[in-house]
Amino acid sequence: MKWRNACWEGDHKHLPVEVELDGRAVRPWVTWFIDCAKNAITGAAVTPHQPSRDAVLAALRIALSRDEPIGPYGPIGGLPELVRVDRGKEFLCATVTRALGALAVPVQDLPPRRPELKGTVENLNHCVVDMFLAALPGYLHAPAATTGPRPRRGDLDGLLPFAEFTARLLDWVRWWNTEHRPKPLGGRTPLQAWQDDPTPIEDVSPALLRSFTLEDAGSDKVLSTKGVYWRGRYYVGPWMHGKDGTRVRVRFVPTTTTRSRCSTPPPAPTSGRRTSLTPPPRPSGPRCAGPRTPSGARWCGRWPPRTASAAGWAATAPSPGRAGPSRWRR
């Protein structure tokens, strides 16, 4: 695979350096993707905590977009033909699989503890330590000082703020793509090798990328005078005025529920709308069908309470341990 966008490799890296965030020392993580043929970093995301699906989707969105000509990635990006990752739960979670499946990008699941199967991104993980992190304050693998006490782990003196560290790391990514000259590229930079490749690039539409990092709530919601109700909260926006009764689709960032985005869903294949609330039929059979106790008694509870919703009646069974009238019958 010597042409661009033929194969990408992605990985997490727990960086051996401490930075300051909110008055405490943390070890950041980086999630990035690299093109195997041209050795170009296509996208990266830095987090102060262990990355999850939000970091993976953010790095993928940056890698797929090519609308930042002056950024650290330049014109590098587009739609890959294959993405290789290890068996990390974040990479193979339902959100990432659904996002890549919507773009028809296959994911190759590599076995664990086999770094040689994705050597391009593993080499990048080693290079960022030797070329960048080793010269920063707070580097954890620095040799012991010959004079003076060695700084204790967790000491905030001299540590870089997390925002400044992120800016420096992205500047190093820009240097890697535009100035670094790996041996396999014959003296060229990854950007030069990328631009010399005549392989066509398939771009992703901006409309699809706007919702790429958002997760679908799974069902349509109906706007009311209070906004849209989801997960115990009402979400409002200026565009909702005068649109009561409109059915919308909710998308949200996986790690927070303080903000969400609503869009009008496509028309359903069936016409008409349910207007009447018809309760489901009562279950048939004996009411006392619970397990017997050692004394031979059976537990008989109430019928499950029925609650009306906008889509009809829904039966809700009482959860275990809920207080309520019950009796024992032999």
C-alpha atoms as a PDB file:
ATOM      1  CA  MET A   1       0.000   0.000   0.000  1.00  0.00           C
ATOM      2  CA  LYS A   2       2.196   2.812  -1.298  1.00  0.00           C
ATOM      3  CA  TRP A   3      -0.524   5.309  -2.223  1.00  0.00           C
ATOM      4  CA  ARG A   4      -2.020   7.921   0.085  1.00  0.00           C
ATOM      5  CA  ASN A   5      -5.144   7.125   2.085  1.00  0.00           C
ATOM      6  CA  ALA A   6      -4.731   3.426   1.328  1.00  0.00           C
ATOM      7  CA  CYS A   7      -4.434   2.601   5.033  1.00  0.00           C
ATOM      8  CA  TRP A   8      -4.433   4.543   8.288  1.00  0.00           C
ATOM      9  CA  GLU A   9      -3.336   3.362  11.704  1.00  0.00           C
ATOM     10  CA  GLY A  10      -4.685   4.759  14.963  1.00  0.00           C
ATOM     11  CA  ASP A  11      -3.616   4.446  18.565  1.00  0.00           C
ATOM     12  CA  HIS A  12      -3.633   6.010  22.031  1.00  0.00           C
ATOM     13  CA  LYS A  13      -0.458   7.116  23.781  1.00  0.00           C
ATOM     14  CA  HIS A  14      -0.194   7.856  27.512  1.00  0.00           C
ATOM     15  CA  LEU A  15       2.514  10.498  27.396  1.00  0.00           C
ATOM     16  CA  PRO A  16       5.299  10.236  30.021  1.00  0.00           C
ATOM     17  CA  VAL A  17       5.109  13.904  31.008  1.00  0.00           C
ATOM     18  CA  GLU A  18       3.225  15.837  33.666  1.00  0.00           C
ATOM     19  CA  VAL A  19       1.368  19.086  32.992  1.00  0.00           C
ATOM     20  CA  GLU A  20      -0.607  21.404  35.229  1.00  0.00           C
ATOM     21  CA  LEU A  21      -4.407  21.457  35.032  1.00  0.00           C
ATOM     22  CA  ASP A  22      -6.676  23.113  37.626  1.00  0.00           C
ATOM     23  CA  GLY A  23      -3.976  23.128  40.270  1.00  0.00           C
ATOM     24  CA  ARG A  24      -2.928  19.496  39.935  1.00  0.00           C
ATOM     25  CA  ALA A  25      -0.449  17.499  37.896  1.00  0.00           C
ATOM     26  CA  VAL A  26      -1.885  15.207  35.209  1.00  0.00           C
ATOM     27  CA  ARG A  27      -0.451  12.956  32.496  1.00  0.00           C
ATOM     28  CA  PRO A  28      -2.110  13.745  29.160  1.00  0.00           C
ATOM     29  CA  TRP A  29      -3.093  11.292  26.450  1.00  0.00           C
ATOM     30  CA  VAL A  30      -2.910  11.739  22.696  1.00  0.00           C
ATOM     31  CA  THR A  31      -5.108   9.950  20.161  1.00  0.00           C
ATOM     32  CA  TRP A  32      -3.918  10.178  16.571  1.00  0.00           C
ATOM     33  CA  PHE A  33      -4.089   8.655  13.125  1.00  0.00           C
ATOM     34  CA  ILE A  34      -1.252   8.403  10.617  1.00  0.00           C
ATOM     35  CA  ASP A  35      -1.126   7.534   6.929  1.00  0.00           C
ATOM     36  CA  CYS A  36       0.996   4.418   6.469  1.00  0.00           C
ATOM     37  CA  ALA A  37       2.232   5.186   2.947  1.00  0.00           C
ATOM     38  CA  LYS A  38       3.293   8.822   3.410  1.00  0.00           C
ATOM     39  CA  ASN A  39       3.990   8.792   7.168  1.00  0.00           C
ATOM     40  CA  ALA A  40       1.785  11.871   7.578  1.00  0.00           C
ATOM     41  CA  ILE A  41      -0.222  12.575  10.739  1.00  0.00           C
ATOM     42  CA  THR A  42      -3.803  13.075   9.584  1.00  0.00           C
ATOM     43  CA  GLY A  43      -5.448  13.966  12.901  1.00  0.00           C
ATOM     44  CA  ALA A  44      -4.812  14.121  16.637  1.00  0.00           C
ATOM     45  CA  ALA A  45      -6.708  14.870  19.837  1.00  0.00           C
ATOM     46  CA  VAL A  46      -5.154  15.589  23.256  1.00  0.00           C
ATOM     47  CA  THR A  47      -7.027  14.866  26.485  1.00  0.00           C
ATOM     48  CA  PRO A  48      -5.996  15.268  30.142  1.00  0.00           C
ATOM     49  CA  HIS A  49      -7.703  11.969  30.982  1.00  0.00           C
ATOM     50  CA  GLN A  50      -7.885   8.511  29.516  1.00  0.00           C
ATOM     51  CA  PRO A  51      -9.429   8.946  26.058  1.00  0.00           C
ATOM     52  CA  SER A  52     -12.852   7.607  25.251  1.00  0.00           C
ATOM     53  CA  ARG A  53     -15.090   7.670  22.208  1.00  0.00           C
ATOM     54  CA  ASP A  54     -15.237  11.488  22.183  1.00  0.00           C
ATOM     55  CA  ALA A  55     -11.458  11.760  21.694  1.00  0.00           C
ATOM     56  CA  VAL A  56     -11.488   9.105  18.970  1.00  0.00           C
ATOM     57  CA  LEU A  57     -14.322  10.820  17.089  1.00  0.00           C
ATOM     58  CA  ALA A  58     -12.630  14.218  17.428  1.00  0.00           C
ATOM     59  CA  ALA A  59      -9.365  12.843  15.998  1.00  0.00           C
ATOM     60  CA  LEU A  60     -11.253  11.131  13.181  1.00  0.00           C
ATOM     61  CA  ARG A  61     -13.137  14.283  12.300  1.00  0.00           C
ATOM     62  CA  ILE A  62      -9.896  16.268  12.087  1.00  0.00           C
ATOM     63  CA  ALA A  63      -8.320  13.531   9.972  1.00  0.00           C
ATOM     64  CA  LEU A  64     -11.237  13.392   7.532  1.00  0.00           C
ATOM     65  CA  SER A  65     -11.528  17.154   7.029  1.00  0.00           C
ATOM     66  CA  ARG A  66      -9.168  19.126   4.796  1.00  0.00           C
ATOM     67  CA  ASP A  67     -10.524  22.645   5.368  1.00  0.00           C
ATOM     68  CA  GLU A  68      -7.541  23.902   7.409  1.00  0.00           C
ATOM     69  CA  PRO A  69      -4.785  24.735   4.873  1.00  0.00           C
ATOM     70  CA  ILE A  70      -2.734  26.657   7.472  1.00  0.00           C
ATOM     71  CA  GLY A  71      -3.278  24.225  10.349  1.00  0.00           C
ATOM     72  CA  PRO A  72      -0.910  21.498  11.546  1.00  0.00           C
ATOM     73  CA  TYR A  73      -2.284  19.030   8.982  1.00  0.00           C
ATOM     74  CA  GLY A  74      -2.608  21.220   5.889  1.00  0.00           C
ATOM     75  CA  PRO A  75      -4.199  19.465   2.888  1.00  0.00           C
ATOM     76  CA  ILE A  76      -3.567  16.038   4.423  1.00  0.00           C
ATOM     77  CA  GLY A  77      -6.744  14.039   4.997  1.00  0.00           C
ATOM     78  CA  GLY A  78      -9.734  12.665   3.163  1.00  0.00           C
ATOM     79  CA  LEU A  79     -11.483   9.323   3.246  1.00  0.00           C
ATOM     80  CA  PRO A  80      -9.208   6.285   3.845  1.00  0.00           C
ATOM     81  CA  GLU A  81      -9.741   2.864   2.367  1.00  0.00           C
ATOM     82  CA  LEU A  82      -8.874   1.031   5.599  1.00  0.00           C
ATOM     83  CA  VAL A  83      -8.286   1.878   9.253  1.00  0.00           C
ATOM     84  CA  ARG A  84      -6.170  -0.452  11.414  1.00  0.00           C
ATOM     85  CA  VAL A  85      -6.501  -0.354  15.201  1.00  0.00           C
ATOM     86  CA  ASP A  86      -5.921  -2.692  18.103  1.00  0.00           C
ATOM     87  CA  ARG A  87      -8.658  -4.141  20.257  1.00  0.00           C
ATOM     88  CA  GLY A  88      -9.186  -1.046  22.352  1.00  0.00           C
ATOM     89  CA  LYS A  89     -12.748  -0.679  23.552  1.00  0.00           C
ATOM     90  CA  GLU A  90     -12.809   3.005  22.621  1.00  0.00           C
ATOM     91  CA  PHE A  91     -11.886   2.358  18.996  1.00  0.00           C
ATOM     92  CA  LEU A  92     -14.310  -0.505  18.540  1.00  0.00           C
ATOM     93  CA  CYS A  93     -17.247   0.878  20.500  1.00  0.00           C
ATOM     94  CA  ALA A  94     -20.626   1.144  18.809  1.00  0.00           C
ATOM     95  CA  THR A  95     -20.291   4.880  18.201  1.00  0.00           C
ATOM     96  CA  VAL A  96     -17.030   4.642  16.236  1.00  0.00           C
ATOM     97  CA  THR A  97     -18.130   1.547  14.338  1.00  0.00           C
ATOM     98  CA  ARG A  98     -21.364   3.263  13.345  1.00  0.00           C
ATOM     99  CA  ALA A  99     -19.536   6.450  12.317  1.00  0.00           C
ATOM    100  CA  LEU A 100     -17.018   4.630  10.129  1.00  0.00           C
ATOM    101  CA  GLY A 101     -19.713   2.337   8.781  1.00  0.00           C
ATOM    102  CA  ALA A 102     -21.699   5.360   7.612  1.00  0.00           C
ATOM    103  CA  LEU A 103     -18.671   6.346   5.535  1.00  0.00           C
ATOM    104  CA  ALA A 104     -18.123   2.780   4.245  1.00  0.00           C
ATOM    105  CA  VAL A 105     -14.661   2.593   5.847  1.00  0.00           C
ATOM    106  CA  PRO A 106     -13.709  -0.925   7.025  1.00  0.00           C
ATOM    107  CA  VAL A 107     -11.957  -1.311  10.384  1.00  0.00           C
ATOM    108  CA  GLN A 108      -9.303  -4.007  10.738  1.00  0.00           C
ATOM    109  CA  ASP A 109      -9.243  -5.354  14.280  1.00  0.00           C
ATOM    110  CA  LEU A 110      -5.688  -6.341  15.184  1.00  0.00           C
ATOM    111  CA  PRO A 111      -4.929  -8.789  17.991  1.00  0.00           C
ATOM    112  CA  PRO A 112      -3.715  -7.336  21.299  1.00  0.00           C
ATOM    113  CA  ARG A 113      -0.051  -7.135  22.300  1.00  0.00           C
ATOM    114  CA  ARG A 114       1.112  -7.236  18.671  1.00  0.00           C
ATOM    115  CA  PRO A 115       2.597  -3.755  18.081  1.00  0.00           C
ATOM    116  CA  GLU A 116       4.532  -4.947  15.039  1.00  0.00           C
ATOM    117  CA  LEU A 117       1.252  -5.260  13.115  1.00  0.00           C
ATOM    118  CA  LYS A 118       0.795  -1.473  13.266  1.00  0.00           C
ATOM    119  CA  GLY A 119       4.394  -0.388  13.162  1.00  0.00           C
ATOM    120  CA  THR A 120       3.802   3.051  11.624  1.00  0.00           C
ATOM    121  CA  VAL A 121       1.817   4.457  14.532  1.00  0.00           C
ATOM    122  CA  GLU A 122       3.997   2.635  17.073  1.00  0.00           C
ATOM    123  CA  ASN A 123       7.053   4.318  15.573  1.00  0.00           C
ATOM    124  CA  LEU A 124       5.254   7.648  15.926  1.00  0.00           C
ATOM    125  CA  ASN A 125       4.633   6.900  19.596  1.00  0.00           C
ATOM    126  CA  HIS A 126       8.361   6.386  20.150  1.00  0.00           C
ATOM    127  CA  CYS A 127       9.359   9.437  18.095  1.00  0.00           C
ATOM    128  CA  VAL A 128       7.165  11.849  20.027  1.00  0.00           C
ATOM    129  CA  VAL A 129       8.918  10.807  23.245  1.00  0.00           C
ATOM    130  CA  ASP A 130      12.476  11.047  21.928  1.00  0.00           C
ATOM    131  CA  MET A 131      12.035  14.134  19.734  1.00  0.00           C
ATOM    132  CA  PHE A 132       9.591  16.229  21.745  1.00  0.00           C
ATOM    133  CA  LEU A 133       8.747  15.111  25.280  1.00  0.00           C
ATOM    134  CA  ALA A 134      12.314  14.487  26.460  1.00  0.00           C
ATOM    135  CA  ALA A 135      13.083  18.224  26.347  1.00  0.00           C
ATOM    136  CA  LEU A 136       9.994  19.372  28.266  1.00  0.00           C
ATOM    137  CA  PRO A 137       9.770  20.129  31.981  1.00  0.00           C
ATOM    138  CA  GLY A 138       7.927  17.399  33.831  1.00  0.00           C
ATOM    139  CA  TYR A 139       9.334  14.584  31.675  1.00  0.00           C
ATOM    140  CA  LEU A 140       9.080  11.475  33.834  1.00  0.00           C
ATOM    141  CA  HIS A 141      11.927   9.464  32.295  1.00  0.00           C
ATOM    142  CA  ALA A 142      14.592  12.128  32.707  1.00  0.00           C
ATOM    143  CA  PRO A 143      17.864  10.950  34.291  1.00  0.00           C
ATOM    144  CA  ALA A 144      18.428  11.784  37.935  1.00  0.00           C
ATOM    145  CA  ALA A 145      20.153  15.087  38.544  1.00  0.00           C
ATOM    146  CA  THR A 146      23.759  14.851  39.715  1.00  0.00           C
ATOM    147  CA  THR A 147      23.414  17.927  41.953  1.00  0.00           C
ATOM    148  CA  GLY A 148      20.400  19.012  43.946  1.00  0.00           C
ATOM    149  CA  PRO A 149      17.262  17.115  44.857  1.00  0.00           C
ATOM    150  CA  ARG A 150      15.209  15.518  42.127  1.00  0.00           C
ATOM    151  CA  PRO A 151      11.697  17.022  41.703  1.00  0.00           C
ATOM    152  CA  ARG A 152       8.996  14.888  43.211  1.00  0.00           C
ATOM    153  CA  ARG A 153       6.231  13.510  41.021  1.00  0.00           C
ATOM    154  CA  GLY A 154       3.167  15.688  41.302  1.00  0.00           C
ATOM    155  CA  ASP A 155       5.111  18.876  42.081  1.00  0.00           C
ATOM    156  CA  LEU A 156       3.639  21.790  40.094  1.00  0.00           C
ATOM    157  CA  ASP A 157       6.804  23.892  40.010  1.00  0.00           C
ATOM    158  CA  GLY A 158       7.903  24.416  36.406  1.00  0.00           C
ATOM    159  CA  LEU A 159       5.150  22.315  34.800  1.00  0.00           C
ATOM    160  CA  LEU A 160       3.563  23.551  31.600  1.00  0.00           C
ATOM    161  CA  PRO A 161      -0.149  24.409  31.659  1.00  0.00           C
ATOM    162  CA  PHE A 162      -2.247  21.911  29.751  1.00  0.00           C
ATOM    163  CA  ALA A 163      -3.304  24.482  27.127  1.00  0.00           C
ATOM    164  CA  GLU A 164       0.304  25.480  26.424  1.00  0.00           C
ATOM    165  CA  PHE A 165       1.377  21.839  26.235  1.00  0.00           C
ATOM    166  CA  THR A 166      -1.394  21.118  23.710  1.00  0.00           C
ATOM    167  CA  ALA A 167      -0.302  24.072  21.580  1.00  0.00           C
ATOM    168  CA  ARG A 168       3.321  22.874  21.630  1.00  0.00           C
ATOM    169  CA  LEU A 169       2.323  19.325  20.712  1.00  0.00           C
ATOM    170  CA  LEU A 170       0.263  20.529  17.734  1.00  0.00           C
ATOM    171  CA  ASP A 171       3.225  22.674  16.666  1.00  0.00           C
ATOM    172  CA  TRP A 172       5.371  19.525  16.776  1.00  0.00           C
ATOM    173  CA  VAL A 173       2.766  17.755  14.608  1.00  0.00           C
ATOM    174  CA  ARG A 174       3.096  20.607  12.106  1.00  0.00           C
ATOM    175  CA  TRP A 175       6.887  20.176  12.172  1.00  0.00           C
ATOM    176  CA  TRP A 176       6.523  16.423  11.613  1.00  0.00           C
ATOM    177  CA  ASN A 177       4.341  16.914   8.536  1.00  0.00           C
ATOM    178  CA  THR A 178       6.169  19.858   6.965  1.00  0.00           C
ATOM    179  CA  GLU A 179       9.859  19.704   8.017  1.00  0.00           C
ATOM    180  CA  HIS A 180      10.699  16.196   9.221  1.00  0.00           C
ATOM    181  CA  ARG A 181      12.263  13.987   6.522  1.00  0.00           C
ATOM    182  CA  PRO A 182      11.924  10.255   7.286  1.00  0.00           C
ATOM    183  CA  LYS A 183      14.239   7.835   5.512  1.00  0.00           C
ATOM    184  CA  PRO A 184      11.474   5.815   3.786  1.00  0.00           C
ATOM    185  CA  LEU A 185      10.360   8.968   1.940  1.00  0.00           C
ATOM    186  CA  GLY A 186      13.734   9.515   0.254  1.00  0.00           C
ATOM    187  CA  GLY A 187      14.535  12.910   1.746  1.00  0.00           C
ATOM    188  CA  ARG A 188      11.026  14.340   1.343  1.00  0.00           C
ATOM    189  CA  THR A 189       8.718  15.554   4.064  1.00  0.00           C
ATOM    190  CA  PRO A 190       5.367  13.803   4.583  1.00  0.00           C
ATOM    191  CA  LEU A 191       3.599  16.815   3.064  1.00  0.00           C
ATOM    192  CA  GLN A 192       5.798  16.751  -0.035  1.00  0.00           C
ATOM    193  CA  ALA A 193       5.273  13.008  -0.435  1.00  0.00           C
ATOM    194  CA  TRP A 194       1.538  13.533  -0.028  1.00  0.00           C
ATOM    195  CA  GLN A 195       1.396  16.249  -2.683  1.00  0.00           C
ATOM    196  CA  ASP A 196       3.544  14.243  -5.123  1.00  0.00           C
ATOM    197  CA  ASP A 197       1.076  11.337  -5.035  1.00  0.00           C
ATOM    198  CA  PRO A 198      -1.442  11.570  -7.924  1.00  0.00           C
ATOM    199  CA  THR A 199      -3.975   9.299  -6.202  1.00  0.00           C
ATOM    200  CA  PRO A 200      -7.403  11.022  -6.125  1.00  0.00           C
ATOM    201  CA  ILE A 201      -8.687  12.080  -2.691  1.00  0.00           C
ATOM    202  CA  GLU A 202     -12.294  11.448  -1.715  1.00  0.00           C
ATOM    203  CA  ASP A 203     -13.527  14.208   0.592  1.00  0.00           C
ATOM    204  CA  VAL A 204     -16.367  13.929   3.080  1.00  0.00           C
ATOM    205  CA  SER A 205     -19.199  16.428   2.768  1.00  0.00           C
ATOM    206  CA  PRO A 206     -19.161  19.217   5.398  1.00  0.00           C
ATOM    207  CA  ALA A 207     -22.776  18.468   6.317  1.00  0.00           C
ATOM    208  CA  LEU A 208     -21.824  14.931   7.332  1.00  0.00           C
ATOM    209  CA  LEU A 209     -18.739  16.071   9.233  1.00  0.00           C
ATOM    210  CA  ARG A 210     -20.750  18.566  11.302  1.00  0.00           C
ATOM    211  CA  SER A 211     -22.590  15.719  13.006  1.00  0.00           C
ATOM    212  CA  PHE A 212     -19.736  13.204  12.894  1.00  0.00           C
ATOM    213  CA  THR A 213     -18.650  13.738  16.520  1.00  0.00           C
ATOM    214  CA  LEU A 214     -22.228  13.722  17.833  1.00  0.00           C
ATOM    215  CA  GLU A 215     -24.103  10.625  18.942  1.00  0.00           C
ATOM    216  CA  ASP A 216     -27.703  10.003  17.956  1.00  0.00           C
ATOM    217  CA  ALA A 217     -30.242   9.835  20.792  1.00  0.00           C
ATOM    218  CA  GLY A 218     -32.010   7.020  18.958  1.00  0.00           C
ATOM    219  CA  SER A 219     -35.573   8.331  18.556  1.00  0.00           C
ATOM    220  CA  ASP A 220     -37.470  11.408  17.408  1.00  0.00           C
ATOM    221  CA  LYS A 221     -38.540  14.053  19.916  1.00  0.00           C
ATOM    222  CA  VAL A 222     -41.467  16.479  19.755  1.00  0.00           C
ATOM    223  CA  LEU A 223     -40.954  20.172  20.456  1.00  0.00           C
ATOM    224  CA  SER A 224     -43.208  21.760  23.078  1.00  0.00           C
ATOM    225  CA  THR A 225     -43.539  25.236  24.546  1.00  0.00           C
ATOM    226  CA  LYS A 226     -40.786  24.295  27.020  1.00  0.00           C
ATOM    227  CA  GLY A 227     -38.377  23.034  24.361  1.00  0.00           C
ATOM    228  CA  VAL A 228     -37.340  19.429  23.701  1.00  0.00           C
ATOM    229  CA  TYR A 229     -37.328  16.998  26.617  1.00  0.00           C
ATOM    230  CA  TRP A 230     -34.516  14.485  26.814  1.00  0.00           C
ATOM    231  CA  ARG A 231     -32.956  12.620  29.759  1.00  0.00           C
ATOM    232  CA  GLY A 232     -34.830  14.538  32.400  1.00  0.00           C
ATOM    233  CA  ARG A 233     -34.042  18.020  31.030  1.00  0.00           C
ATOM    234  CA  TYR A 234     -35.601  20.557  28.705  1.00  0.00           C
ATOM    235  CA  TYR A 235     -33.313  21.941  25.986  1.00  0.00           C
ATOM    236  CA  VAL A 236     -34.242  25.257  24.398  1.00  0.00           C
ATOM    237  CA  GLY A 237     -32.988  27.393  21.520  1.00  0.00           C
ATOM    238  CA  PRO A 238     -34.068  30.577  19.753  1.00  0.00           C
ATOM    239  CA  TRP A 239     -35.025  28.661  16.606  1.00  0.00           C
ATOM    240  CA  MET A 240     -37.660  26.652  18.513  1.00  0.00           C
ATOM    241  CA  HIS A 241     -40.118  29.569  18.862  1.00  0.00           C
ATOM    242  CA  GLY A 242     -43.343  28.939  16.985  1.00  0.00           C
ATOM    243  CA  LYS A 243     -42.491  25.336  16.097  1.00  0.00           C
ATOM    244  CA  ASP A 244     -44.509  23.447  18.703  1.00  0.00           C
ATOM    245  CA  GLY A 245     -45.288  19.910  17.638  1.00  0.00           C
ATOM    246  CA  THR A 246     -42.330  19.637  15.237  1.00  0.00           C
ATOM    247  CA  ARG A 247     -40.552  16.313  15.356  1.00  0.00           C
ATOM    248  CA  VAL A 248     -36.773  16.671  15.686  1.00  0.00           C
ATOM    249  CA  ARG A 249     -33.744  14.424  16.052  1.00  0.00           C
ATOM    250  CA  VAL A 250     -31.403  14.909  19.026  1.00  0.00           C
ATOM    251  CA  ARG A 251     -27.638  14.502  18.744  1.00  0.00           C
ATOM    252  CA  PHE A 252     -25.241  15.044  21.621  1.00  0.00           C
ATOM    253  CA  VAL A 253     -21.583  14.912  22.633  1.00  0.00           C
ATOM    254  CA  PRO A 254     -21.022  11.503  24.297  1.00  0.00           C
ATOM    255  CA  THR A 255     -19.252  12.925  27.379  1.00  0.00           C
ATOM    256  CA  THR A 256     -21.656  15.738  28.281  1.00  0.00           C
ATOM    257  CA  THR A 257     -25.368  16.508  28.237  1.00  0.00           C
ATOM    258  CA  THR A 258     -25.171  20.266  28.818  1.00  0.00           C
ATOM    259  CA  ARG A 259     -25.560  20.961  25.079  1.00  0.00           C
ATOM    260  CA  SER A 260     -27.308  19.082  22.307  1.00  0.00           C
ATOM    261  CA  ARG A 261     -28.186  19.648  18.672  1.00  0.00           C
ATOM    262  CA  CYS A 262     -31.600  19.092  17.127  1.00  0.00           C
ATOM    263  CA  SER A 263     -32.326  18.516  13.467  1.00  0.00           C
ATOM    264  CA  THR A 264     -35.517  17.759  11.599  1.00  0.00           C
ATOM    265  CA  PRO A 265     -35.571  14.033  10.756  1.00  0.00           C
ATOM    266  CA  PRO A 266     -36.378  12.770   7.261  1.00  0.00           C
ATOM    267  CA  PRO A 267     -40.028  11.934   6.605  1.00  0.00           C
ATOM    268  CA  ALA A 268     -41.108   8.527   7.827  1.00  0.00           C
ATOM    269  CA  PRO A 269     -41.934   5.892   5.215  1.00  0.00           C
ATOM    270  CA  THR A 270     -45.481   5.582   6.597  1.00  0.00           C
ATOM    271  CA  SER A 271     -47.970   8.459   6.593  1.00  0.00           C
ATOM    272  CA  GLY A 272     -50.243   9.561   9.397  1.00  0.00           C
ATOM    273  CA  ARG A 273     -49.703  10.080  13.099  1.00  0.00           C
ATOM    274  CA  ARG A 274     -51.077   8.240  16.070  1.00  0.00           C
ATOM    275  CA  THR A 275     -53.647  10.435  17.785  1.00  0.00           C
ATOM    276  CA  SER A 276     -55.303   8.077  20.244  1.00  0.00           C
ATOM    277  CA  LEU A 277     -53.763   6.482  23.291  1.00  0.00           C
ATOM    278  CA  THR A 278     -54.770   2.849  23.372  1.00  0.00           C
ATOM    279  CA  PRO A 279     -53.627   0.933  26.448  1.00  0.00           C
ATOM    280  CA  PRO A 280     -52.189  -2.499  25.806  1.00  0.00           C
ATOM    281  CA  PRO A 281     -54.247  -5.545  26.771  1.00  0.00           C
ATOM    282  CA  ARG A 282     -53.823  -6.871  30.281  1.00  0.00           C
ATOM    283  CA  PRO A 283     -51.590  -9.930  30.409  1.00  0.00           C
ATOM    284  CA  SER A 284     -53.377 -13.249  30.571  1.00  0.00           C
ATOM    285  CA  GLY A 285     -52.701 -16.054  32.985  1.00  0.00           C
ATOM    286  CA  PRO A 286     -52.648 -16.387  36.765  1.00  0.00           C
ATOM    287  CA  ARG A 287     -51.531 -13.307  38.661  1.00  0.00           C
ATOM    288  CA  CYS A 288     -49.537 -15.323  41.199  1.00  0.00           C
ATOM    289  CA  ALA A 289     -46.784 -16.667  38.982  1.00  0.00           C
ATOM    290  CA  GLY A 290     -43.794 -15.618  41.031  1.00  0.00           C
ATOM    291  CA  PRO A 291     -41.214 -17.951  42.576  1.00  0.00           C
ATOM    292  CA  ARG A 292     -42.127 -19.930  45.656  1.00  0.00           C
ATOM    293  CA  THR A 293     -40.425 -19.436  48.977  1.00  0.00           C
ATOM    294  CA  PRO A 294     -39.155 -22.380  51.078  1.00  0.00           C
ATOM    295  CA  SER A 295     -42.512 -22.297  52.924  1.00  0.00           C
ATOM    296  CA  GLY A 296     -44.422 -22.795  49.675  1.00  0.00           C
ATOM    297  CA  ALA A 297     -45.793 -19.240  49.347  1.00  0.00           C
ATOM    298  CA  ARG A 298     -45.861 -17.260  46.091  1.00  0.00           C
ATOM    299  CA  TRP A 299     -45.381 -13.527  45.760  1.00  0.00           C
ATOM    300  CA  CYS A 300     -48.268 -11.676  44.105  1.00  0.00           C
ATOM    301  CA  GLY A 301     -47.678  -8.031  43.192  1.00  0.00           C
ATOM    302  CA  ARG A 302     -49.751  -5.332  41.557  1.00  0.00           C
ATOM    303  CA  TRP A 303     -50.351  -5.135  37.863  1.00  0.00           C
ATOM    304  CA  PRO A 304     -47.511  -3.143  36.251  1.00  0.00           C
ATOM    305  CA  PRO A 305     -48.482   0.559  36.287  1.00  0.00           C
ATOM    306  CA  ARG A 306     -49.251   2.070  32.907  1.00  0.00           C
ATOM    307  CA  THR A 307     -48.000   5.540  32.023  1.00  0.00           C
ATOM    308  CA  ALA A 308     -49.175   7.564  29.023  1.00  0.00           C
ATOM    309  CA  SER A 309     -46.603   9.047  26.702  1.00  0.00           C
ATOM    310  CA  ALA A 310     -46.655  11.000  23.459  1.00  0.00           C
ATOM    311  CA  ALA A 311     -46.307   7.792  21.456  1.00  0.00           C
ATOM    312  CA  GLY A 312     -48.935   5.761  23.346  1.00  0.00           C
ATOM    313  CA  TRP A 313     -49.158   3.667  26.462  1.00  0.00           C
ATOM    314  CA  ALA A 314     -46.105   2.032  27.942  1.00  0.00           C
ATOM    315  CA  ALA A 315     -46.172  -0.676  30.596  1.00  0.00           C
ATOM    316  CA  THR A 316     -43.551  -0.297  33.316  1.00  0.00           C
ATOM    317  CA  ALA A 317     -42.835  -3.184  35.654  1.00  0.00           C
ATOM    318  CA  PRO A 318     -41.932  -2.352  39.273  1.00  0.00           C
ATOM    319  CA  SER A 319     -38.217  -2.539  39.904  1.00  0.00           C
ATOM    320  CA  PRO A 320     -36.861  -4.955  42.525  1.00  0.00           C
ATOM    321  CA  GLY A 321     -36.966  -3.534  45.986  1.00  0.00           C
ATOM    322  CA  ARG A 322     -39.561  -0.822  45.162  1.00  0.00           C
ATOM    323  CA  ALA A 323     -41.985  -0.164  47.940  1.00  0.00           C
ATOM    324  CA  GLY A 324     -45.587  -0.927  47.067  1.00  0.00           C
ATOM    325  CA  PRO A 325     -48.624  -2.971  48.109  1.00  0.00           C
ATOM    326  CA  SER A 326     -48.055  -6.654  47.861  1.00  0.00           C
ATOM    327  CA  ARG A 327     -49.293  -9.802  49.551  1.00  0.00           C
ATOM    328  CA  TRP A 328     -48.365 -13.430  49.945  1.00  0.00           C
ATOM    329  CA  ARG A 329     -50.663 -16.211  48.847  1.00  0.00           C
ATOM    330  CA  ARG A 330     -50.272 -19.938  49.283  1.00  0.00           C
END
